[in-house]
Each structure stands twice: as C-alpha cells, then as structure tokens.
Amino acid sequence: GEKHTFKLIEDPSGEPNDNAKFSLSGIRLRTNEPFDFESQPTLTIYVDAKDRGKLTYAQRVTVNVLDANDAPTGLTIDNDSIVENQPTKTVIGKLSAVDPDATDRHTYKIVGGKDMKRLLLRGDTLSTNDIFDYETEPLLEVVVRVTDSKKLYADVTLNINVTDVNDP
C-alpha cells in the first residue's frame, strides 16, 4: 500500500542513458519521440523511486523497441541508360528496393511518368516497349511504385538516359 514517486535521474556511474527520450507522468512512462527499431532497438533509462519516508531506490531500466513494418523509402536501378535504336523488349536494368526492413519482399509497378507506356516492368526488370532515338528524346521518365509485403509503398521517379550512337 506504499505510495511511490518516480523520476528519471542520471546514472550515478556516469553511463550515458536515453532519459531525454522519455518523460514520467505519475507512474506512467511516456515517450517524447517516435522510436525506430532499425536504428536503436534498445534504450536505457535510469529511474529513481522514492517512498513516503523519503527512502529511495534507483535502477537502470532497459526499454526494448519492437520492430514494425516500415514503408519502402525508394528504389535503385543497376543501369539507368539504354543505347538508342535498340529493339523492343531490350533490358534496361534491374530494380532494387530501398527499405529499412532489409528482409522484406517487394513488387514493382509502373504508375506514371511521360514514358510509362513505352517501358515495361516484368518482376524487377525494366525493359523497353518502344524504339528510342537520342536525337528526339535523350531522356525517358517513368514513375515506379515499390510495394512491400504489408502493402506499404513509395512512388519513385526514374530517369533513363538514351545514349547516342553514330546513325547511318
């Protein structure tokens, strides 16, 4: 039946802590900011408990951050150029998702861009669906949606360079 008051204090041994990321409200520990499992999976605080008789007990407490699905943040392509006058279905490059969840699976879909109908996506491979001419169009633009296994996504604009060759 004893009543206690709690406060965050510095560790007497001088060890660093994450007290600034939390606050205490009565007996409730509250966060002051969002946490990210990928960058810091555990946090450490130092808590002092005091009873009515002014007796205290201090202890280091570890707070575990639970992992949650993060949306993809972008994508890359291993080759961003195509030589002009290549036949349709010529492979341009392979896409890779940029995602804080390194083991997540991804799908890709063309969702926009001025050249969306002139390019194809099969799985993670971007190919041509037209023959391109450097002199009339040296740069192609397509918007690709990368979606993770939990249906979170990012739309990314890719610019594909058309490379000039000597025309007959």
C-alpha atoms as a PDB file:
ATOM      1  CA  GLY A   1       0.000   0.000   0.000  1.00  0.00           C
ATOM      2  CA  GLU A   2       3.017   2.311  -0.055  1.00  0.00           C
ATOM      3  CA  LYS A   3       2.889   5.281  -2.418  1.00  0.00           C
ATOM      4  CA  HIS A   4       5.926   5.996  -4.549  1.00  0.00           C
ATOM      5  CA  THR A   5       7.114   8.878  -6.675  1.00  0.00           C
ATOM      6  CA  PHE A   6       9.314   8.264  -9.685  1.00  0.00           C
ATOM      7  CA  LYS A   7      11.738  10.416 -11.599  1.00  0.00           C
ATOM      8  CA  LEU A   8      14.342   9.972 -14.269  1.00  0.00           C
ATOM      9  CA  ILE A   9      17.845  10.646 -12.993  1.00  0.00           C
ATOM     10  CA  GLU A  10      21.369  10.483 -14.327  1.00  0.00           C
ATOM     11  CA  ASP A  11      23.146   7.189 -13.799  1.00  0.00           C
ATOM     12  CA  PRO A  12      25.468   7.652 -10.764  1.00  0.00           C
ATOM     13  CA  SER A  13      28.187   5.700 -12.594  1.00  0.00           C
ATOM     14  CA  GLY A  14      28.136   8.278 -15.407  1.00  0.00           C
ATOM     15  CA  GLU A  15      26.933   5.811 -18.045  1.00  0.00           C
ATOM     16  CA  PRO A  16      25.002   7.521 -20.852  1.00  0.00           C
ATOM     17  CA  ASN A  17      21.255   6.995 -20.999  1.00  0.00           C
ATOM     18  CA  ASP A  18      18.198   7.820 -23.081  1.00  0.00           C
ATOM     19  CA  ASN A  19      16.259   9.702 -20.372  1.00  0.00           C
ATOM     20  CA  ALA A  20      15.652  12.670 -22.700  1.00  0.00           C
ATOM     21  CA  LYS A  21      13.558  10.434 -24.958  1.00  0.00           C
ATOM     22  CA  PHE A  22      11.066   9.769 -22.146  1.00  0.00           C
ATOM     23  CA  SER A  23       9.023  11.536 -19.501  1.00  0.00           C
ATOM     24  CA  LEU A  24       7.316  10.304 -16.361  1.00  0.00           C
ATOM     25  CA  SER A  25       3.735  11.246 -15.563  1.00  0.00           C
ATOM     26  CA  GLY A  26       2.842   9.786 -12.187  1.00  0.00           C
ATOM     27  CA  ILE A  27       3.502   6.080 -12.614  1.00  0.00           C
ATOM     28  CA  ARG A  28       3.386   6.197 -16.425  1.00  0.00           C
ATOM     29  CA  LEU A  29       6.489   6.237 -18.582  1.00  0.00           C
ATOM     30  CA  ARG A  30       5.792   8.172 -21.798  1.00  0.00           C
ATOM     31  CA  THR A  31       7.798   8.620 -24.968  1.00  0.00           C
ATOM     32  CA  ASN A  32       8.885  12.074 -26.127  1.00  0.00           C
ATOM     33  CA  GLU A  33       9.559  10.998 -29.728  1.00  0.00           C
ATOM     34  CA  PRO A  34       8.956   8.128 -32.145  1.00  0.00           C
ATOM     35  CA  PHE A  35      11.415   5.260 -31.915  1.00  0.00           C
ATOM     36  CA  ASP A  36      12.994   3.313 -34.756  1.00  0.00           C
ATOM     37  CA  PHE A  37      13.901  -0.335 -34.196  1.00  0.00           C
ATOM     38  CA  GLU A  38      16.396  -0.364 -37.083  1.00  0.00           C
ATOM     39  CA  SER A  39      18.477   2.494 -35.685  1.00  0.00           C
ATOM     40  CA  GLN A  40      18.149   1.795 -31.939  1.00  0.00           C
ATOM     41  CA  PRO A  41      16.462  -1.462 -30.833  1.00  0.00           C
ATOM     42  CA  THR A  42      17.060  -0.869 -27.113  1.00  0.00           C
ATOM     43  CA  LEU A  43      17.010   2.249 -24.965  1.00  0.00           C
ATOM     44  CA  THR A  44      18.288   2.690 -21.430  1.00  0.00           C
ATOM     45  CA  ILE A  45      16.855   4.917 -18.712  1.00  0.00           C
ATOM     46  CA  TYR A  46      17.712   5.383 -15.059  1.00  0.00           C
ATOM     47  CA  VAL A  47      14.721   5.617 -12.683  1.00  0.00           C
ATOM     48  CA  ASP A  48      14.619   6.736  -9.069  1.00  0.00           C
ATOM     49  CA  ALA A  49      11.733   5.522  -6.853  1.00  0.00           C
ATOM     50  CA  LYS A  50      11.022   7.299  -3.559  1.00  0.00           C
ATOM     51  CA  ASP A  51       8.532   6.276  -0.861  1.00  0.00           C
ATOM     52  CA  ARG A  52       6.720   8.486   1.688  1.00  0.00           C
ATOM     53  CA  GLY A  53       9.549   8.005   4.146  1.00  0.00           C
ATOM     54  CA  LYS A  54      11.985   9.519   1.605  1.00  0.00           C
ATOM     55  CA  LEU A  55      13.722   6.165   1.136  1.00  0.00           C
ATOM     56  CA  THR A  56      14.927   5.786  -2.453  1.00  0.00           C
ATOM     57  CA  TYR A  57      15.906   3.081  -4.853  1.00  0.00           C
ATOM     58  CA  ALA A  58      17.439   3.777  -8.260  1.00  0.00           C
ATOM     59  CA  GLN A  59      17.755   1.330 -11.131  1.00  0.00           C
ATOM     60  CA  ARG A  60      18.852   1.210 -14.746  1.00  0.00           C
ATOM     61  CA  VAL A  61      15.938   0.044 -16.949  1.00  0.00           C
ATOM     62  CA  THR A  62      16.218  -1.290 -20.498  1.00  0.00           C
ATOM     63  CA  VAL A  63      13.345  -0.494 -22.860  1.00  0.00           C
ATOM     64  CA  ASN A  64      13.062  -2.774 -25.898  1.00  0.00           C
ATOM     65  CA  VAL A  65      11.716  -1.222 -29.096  1.00  0.00           C
ATOM     66  CA  LEU A  66       9.504  -3.611 -31.061  1.00  0.00           C
ATOM     67  CA  ASP A  67      10.064  -3.917 -34.784  1.00  0.00           C
ATOM     68  CA  ALA A  68       7.219  -2.832 -37.058  1.00  0.00           C
ATOM     69  CA  ASN A  69       6.958  -2.793 -40.822  1.00  0.00           C
ATOM     70  CA  ASP A  70       8.429   0.323 -42.416  1.00  0.00           C
ATOM     71  CA  ALA A  71       7.426   1.550 -45.853  1.00  0.00           C
ATOM     72  CA  PRO A  72       9.986   1.409 -48.647  1.00  0.00           C
ATOM     73  CA  THR A  73      11.818   4.716 -48.962  1.00  0.00           C
ATOM     74  CA  GLY A  74      12.884   4.423 -52.582  1.00  0.00           C
ATOM     75  CA  LEU A  75      14.432   2.213 -55.201  1.00  0.00           C
ATOM     76  CA  THR A  76      17.533   1.975 -57.328  1.00  0.00           C
ATOM     77  CA  ILE A  77      18.206   0.625 -60.793  1.00  0.00           C
ATOM     78  CA  ASP A  78      21.505  -1.044 -61.646  1.00  0.00           C
ATOM     79  CA  ASN A  79      21.630   0.594 -65.103  1.00  0.00           C
ATOM     80  CA  ASP A  80      19.932   3.877 -66.000  1.00  0.00           C
ATOM     81  CA  SER A  81      20.733   4.118 -69.705  1.00  0.00           C
ATOM     82  CA  ILE A  82      19.818   2.466 -72.998  1.00  0.00           C
ATOM     83  CA  VAL A  83      21.622   2.764 -76.333  1.00  0.00           C
ATOM     84  CA  GLU A  84      19.351   4.326 -78.959  1.00  0.00           C
ATOM     85  CA  ASN A  85      17.697   2.256 -81.719  1.00  0.00           C
ATOM     86  CA  GLN A  86      17.527  -0.970 -79.655  1.00  0.00           C
ATOM     87  CA  PRO A  87      14.606  -3.320 -80.369  1.00  0.00           C
ATOM     88  CA  THR A  88      11.601  -3.512 -78.054  1.00  0.00           C
ATOM     89  CA  LYS A  89      11.949  -5.820 -75.045  1.00  0.00           C
ATOM     90  CA  THR A  90      15.597  -4.773 -74.587  1.00  0.00           C
ATOM     91  CA  VAL A  91      16.504  -4.982 -70.894  1.00  0.00           C
ATOM     92  CA  ILE A  92      17.493  -1.657 -69.346  1.00  0.00           C
ATOM     93  CA  GLY A  93      18.166  -2.735 -65.751  1.00  0.00           C
ATOM     94  CA  LYS A  94      17.105  -4.452 -62.548  1.00  0.00           C
ATOM     95  CA  LEU A  95      15.320  -2.624 -59.741  1.00  0.00           C
ATOM     96  CA  SER A  96      16.134  -2.938 -56.043  1.00  0.00           C
ATOM     97  CA  ALA A  97      14.005  -1.580 -53.223  1.00  0.00           C
ATOM     98  CA  VAL A  98      15.396   0.753 -50.592  1.00  0.00           C
ATOM     99  CA  ASP A  99      13.633  -0.305 -47.389  1.00  0.00           C
ATOM    100  CA  PRO A 100      14.590  -0.069 -43.696  1.00  0.00           C
ATOM    101  CA  ASP A 101      13.305  -3.669 -43.393  1.00  0.00           C
ATOM    102  CA  ALA A 102      16.163  -5.428 -45.159  1.00  0.00           C
ATOM    103  CA  THR A 103      14.407  -8.812 -45.411  1.00  0.00           C
ATOM    104  CA  ASP A 104      11.088  -7.504 -46.779  1.00  0.00           C
ATOM    105  CA  ARG A 105       9.862  -8.696 -50.193  1.00  0.00           C
ATOM    106  CA  HIS A 106       8.847  -6.152 -52.852  1.00  0.00           C
ATOM    107  CA  THR A 107       6.845  -5.820 -56.036  1.00  0.00           C
ATOM    108  CA  TYR A 108       7.201  -3.117 -58.687  1.00  0.00           C
ATOM    109  CA  LYS A 109       4.656  -1.441 -60.958  1.00  0.00           C
ATOM    110  CA  ILE A 110       4.829   1.448 -63.425  1.00  0.00           C
ATOM    111  CA  VAL A 111       2.285   4.036 -62.248  1.00  0.00           C
ATOM    112  CA  GLY A 112       3.192   7.207 -64.134  1.00  0.00           C
ATOM    113  CA  GLY A 113       5.673   9.344 -65.980  1.00  0.00           C
ATOM    114  CA  LYS A 114       5.633  10.676 -69.534  1.00  0.00           C
ATOM    115  CA  ASP A 115       7.111   7.420 -70.902  1.00  0.00           C
ATOM    116  CA  MET A 116       5.103   4.939 -68.833  1.00  0.00           C
ATOM    117  CA  LYS A 117       3.567   3.221 -71.887  1.00  0.00           C
ATOM    118  CA  ARG A 118       6.928   2.993 -73.636  1.00  0.00           C
ATOM    119  CA  LEU A 119       8.606   0.939 -70.906  1.00  0.00           C
ATOM    120  CA  LEU A 120       7.790  -2.481 -69.422  1.00  0.00           C
ATOM    121  CA  LEU A 121       8.279  -3.996 -65.981  1.00  0.00           C
ATOM    122  CA  ARG A 122       8.448  -7.756 -65.520  1.00  0.00           C
ATOM    123  CA  GLY A 123       9.164  -8.596 -61.908  1.00  0.00           C
ATOM    124  CA  ASP A 124      12.132  -6.395 -61.058  1.00  0.00           C
ATOM    125  CA  THR A 125      13.385  -5.937 -64.649  1.00  0.00           C
ATOM    126  CA  LEU A 126      12.756  -2.723 -66.602  1.00  0.00           C
ATOM    127  CA  SER A 127      12.716  -3.139 -70.409  1.00  0.00           C
ATOM    128  CA  THR A 128      11.830  -1.125 -73.496  1.00  0.00           C
ATOM    129  CA  ASN A 129       8.405  -1.260 -75.125  1.00  0.00           C
ATOM    130  CA  ASP A 130       9.440   1.041 -77.971  1.00  0.00           C
ATOM    131  CA  ILE A 131      12.495   2.000 -80.020  1.00  0.00           C
ATOM    132  CA  PHE A 132      14.158   5.176 -78.729  1.00  0.00           C
ATOM    133  CA  ASP A 133      16.037   7.850 -80.651  1.00  0.00           C
ATOM    134  CA  TYR A 134      18.578  10.009 -78.825  1.00  0.00           C
ATOM    135  CA  GLU A 135      18.143  12.956 -81.208  1.00  0.00           C
ATOM    136  CA  THR A 136      14.406  13.282 -80.441  1.00  0.00           C
ATOM    137  CA  GLU A 137      14.302  12.058 -76.846  1.00  0.00           C
ATOM    138  CA  PRO A 138      17.569  11.809 -74.873  1.00  0.00           C
ATOM    139  CA  LEU A 139      15.848  11.280 -71.504  1.00  0.00           C
ATOM    140  CA  LEU A 140      12.974   8.975 -70.520  1.00  0.00           C
ATOM    141  CA  GLU A 141      10.881   9.358 -67.376  1.00  0.00           C
ATOM    142  CA  VAL A 142       8.841   6.739 -65.574  1.00  0.00           C
ATOM    143  CA  VAL A 143       7.313   6.549 -62.074  1.00  0.00           C
ATOM    144  CA  VAL A 144       7.623   3.146 -60.411  1.00  0.00           C
ATOM    145  CA  ARG A 145       5.711   2.085 -57.305  1.00  0.00           C
ATOM    146  CA  VAL A 146       7.666  -0.212 -54.996  1.00  0.00           C
ATOM    147  CA  THR A 147       5.326  -2.080 -52.612  1.00  0.00           C
ATOM    148  CA  ASP A 148       6.389  -4.200 -49.642  1.00  0.00           C
ATOM    149  CA  SER A 149       4.766  -7.375 -48.316  1.00  0.00           C
ATOM    150  CA  LYS A 150       2.470  -5.374 -45.989  1.00  0.00           C
ATOM    151  CA  LYS A 151       1.209  -3.199 -48.883  1.00  0.00           C
ATOM    152  CA  LEU A 152       3.168  -0.079 -47.882  1.00  0.00           C
ATOM    153  CA  TYR A 153       4.696   1.674 -50.876  1.00  0.00           C
ATOM    154  CA  ALA A 154       6.732   4.531 -52.307  1.00  0.00           C
ATOM    155  CA  ASP A 155       6.454   6.072 -55.759  1.00  0.00           C
ATOM    156  CA  VAL A 156       9.841   6.854 -57.291  1.00  0.00           C
ATOM    157  CA  THR A 157      10.645   8.755 -60.488  1.00  0.00           C
ATOM    158  CA  LEU A 158      13.336   7.123 -62.598  1.00  0.00           C
ATOM    159  CA  ASN A 159      15.151   8.946 -65.383  1.00  0.00           C
ATOM    160  CA  ILE A 160      16.603   6.726 -68.094  1.00  0.00           C
ATOM    161  CA  ASN A 161      19.249   8.201 -70.392  1.00  0.00           C
ATOM    162  CA  VAL A 162      19.134   7.343 -74.083  1.00  0.00           C
ATOM    163  CA  THR A 163      22.715   7.035 -75.316  1.00  0.00           C
ATOM    164  CA  ASP A 164      23.710   8.402 -78.702  1.00  0.00           C
ATOM    165  CA  VAL A 165      25.375   6.207 -81.325  1.00  0.00           C
ATOM    166  CA  ASN A 166      26.502   7.074 -84.826  1.00  0.00           C
ATOM    167  CA  ASP A 167      23.415   6.928 -87.067  1.00  0.00           C
ATOM    168  CA  PRO A 168      23.790   5.692 -90.647  1.00  0.00           C
END
